């Protein structure tokens, strides 16, 4: 969901769902670490992104306190974090992405 969107678009989507969905609804999202989007933009993938006219827009800083970072981001749009799966959390640089439930 979030990889190709701007932060503003991600926040608007979260806001719209919170506003229109009934309580208890769940938004499931994959959110990449900002270091992964930066790496993709600067590496070999950048040529592919240019060719396909795709951009990489949004990532969260997941290097430190990644669970708290996710919780604060989700709470800032009036949602709560449900189940999460942080991929690569054992890495010294932190997870490279998270799949997270965001509950209305």
Protein backbone atom coordinates (compact mmCIF):
# COMPACT_ATOMS: atom_id res chain seq x y z
CA UNK A 1 0.00 0.00 0.00
CA UNK A 2 2.44 2.64 1.12
CA UNK A 3 5.58 2.09 -0.91
CA UNK A 4 4.51 4.05 -3.98
CA UNK A 5 2.54 6.77 -2.16
CA UNK A 6 3.64 10.02 -0.59
CA UNK A 7 3.37 10.40 3.18
CA UNK A 8 0.52 12.84 2.62
CA UNK A 9 -1.39 10.27 0.54
CA UNK A 10 -0.79 7.54 3.15
CA UNK A 11 -2.07 9.81 5.92
CA UNK A 12 -5.11 10.84 3.86
CA UNK A 13 -5.97 7.20 3.21
CA UNK A 14 -5.68 6.39 6.92
CA UNK A 15 -7.80 9.44 7.80
CA UNK A 16 -10.48 8.57 5.23
CA UNK A 17 -10.72 4.99 6.46
CA UNK A 18 -10.93 6.12 10.09
CA UNK A 19 -13.64 8.62 9.16
CA UNK A 20 -15.81 6.28 7.08
CA UNK A 21 -15.21 2.74 8.38
CA UNK A 22 -17.07 1.31 11.36
CA UNK A 23 -15.24 0.85 14.65
CA UNK A 24 -13.21 -2.35 14.68
CA UNK A 25 -12.40 -2.20 10.96
CA UNK A 26 -8.84 -3.16 10.07
CA UNK A 27 -6.54 -1.65 7.48
CA UNK A 28 -3.68 -3.99 6.60
CA UNK A 29 -0.58 -2.25 5.28
CA UNK A 30 2.99 -3.00 4.41
CA UNK A 31 5.35 -0.18 5.33
CA UNK A 32 9.00 -0.21 4.32
CA UNK A 33 11.87 1.27 6.25
CA UNK A 34 13.01 4.62 4.90
CA UNK A 35 16.49 3.19 4.42
CA UNK A 36 15.08 0.61 2.00
CA UNK A 37 13.28 3.20 -0.12
CA UNK A 38 16.44 5.35 -0.15
CA UNK A 39 18.56 2.35 -1.16
CA UNK A 40 16.17 1.42 -3.96
CA UNK A 41 16.13 4.98 -5.27
CA UNK A 42 19.92 5.13 -5.42
CA UNK A 43 20.75 1.59 -6.53
CA UNK A 44 20.25 -0.50 -9.62
CA UNK A 45 16.50 -0.44 -9.04
CA UNK A 46 16.45 3.29 -9.77
CA UNK A 47 16.83 2.62 -13.53
CA UNK A 48 13.85 0.27 -13.41
CA UNK A 49 11.82 2.84 -11.51
CA UNK A 50 12.72 5.48 -14.09
CA UNK A 51 11.79 3.13 -16.92
CA UNK A 52 8.42 2.23 -15.42
CA UNK A 53 7.80 5.80 -14.20
CA UNK A 54 7.28 4.55 -10.65
CA UNK A 55 8.36 6.42 -7.59
CA UNK A 56 9.05 5.24 -4.08
CA UNK A 57 7.34 7.64 -1.78
CA UNK A 58 6.99 6.63 1.84
CA UNK A 59 8.98 4.83 4.47
CA UNK A 60 9.27 4.97 8.24
CA UNK A 61 12.53 5.22 10.17
CA UNK A 62 12.66 1.68 11.54
CA UNK A 63 16.33 1.54 12.57
CA UNK A 64 15.67 2.16 16.28
CA UNK A 65 12.60 1.78 18.47
CA UNK A 66 10.75 0.45 15.45
CA UNK A 67 7.65 -0.71 17.34
CA UNK A 68 7.30 2.68 19.04
CA UNK A 69 7.85 4.45 15.71
CA UNK A 70 5.06 2.44 14.10
CA UNK A 71 2.72 2.95 17.06
CA UNK A 72 3.30 6.72 17.07
CA UNK A 73 2.72 6.98 13.33
CA UNK A 74 -0.51 4.96 13.43
CA UNK A 75 -1.78 6.81 16.53
CA UNK A 76 -1.11 10.16 14.85
CA UNK A 77 -3.98 9.32 12.49
CA UNK A 78 -6.33 8.13 15.23
CA UNK A 79 -5.85 4.39 14.67
CA UNK A 80 -4.34 1.71 16.88
CA UNK A 81 -1.84 -0.98 16.00
CA UNK A 82 -3.13 -4.54 15.87
CA UNK A 83 -0.99 -7.52 14.94
CA UNK A 84 2.36 -6.76 13.35
CA UNK A 85 5.12 -8.65 11.63
CA UNK A 86 8.47 -6.85 11.46
CA UNK A 87 10.58 -8.43 8.71
CA UNK A 88 14.28 -8.44 9.43
CA UNK A 89 13.94 -7.31 13.04
CA UNK A 90 16.98 -9.35 14.09
CA UNK A 91 19.22 -7.27 11.79
CA UNK A 92 21.43 -4.68 13.50
CA UNK A 93 19.93 -2.01 11.21
CA UNK A 94 16.39 -2.89 12.28
CA UNK A 95 13.60 -4.34 10.18
CA UNK A 96 13.37 -3.54 6.49
CA UNK A 97 9.58 -3.55 6.53
CA UNK A 98 6.52 -4.20 8.65
CA UNK A 99 3.15 -5.69 7.83
CA UNK A 100 0.74 -4.11 10.27
CA UNK A 101 -2.91 -4.10 11.15
CA UNK A 102 -4.26 -0.62 11.82
CA UNK A 103 -7.52 -0.75 13.72
CA UNK A 104 -10.25 1.87 13.56
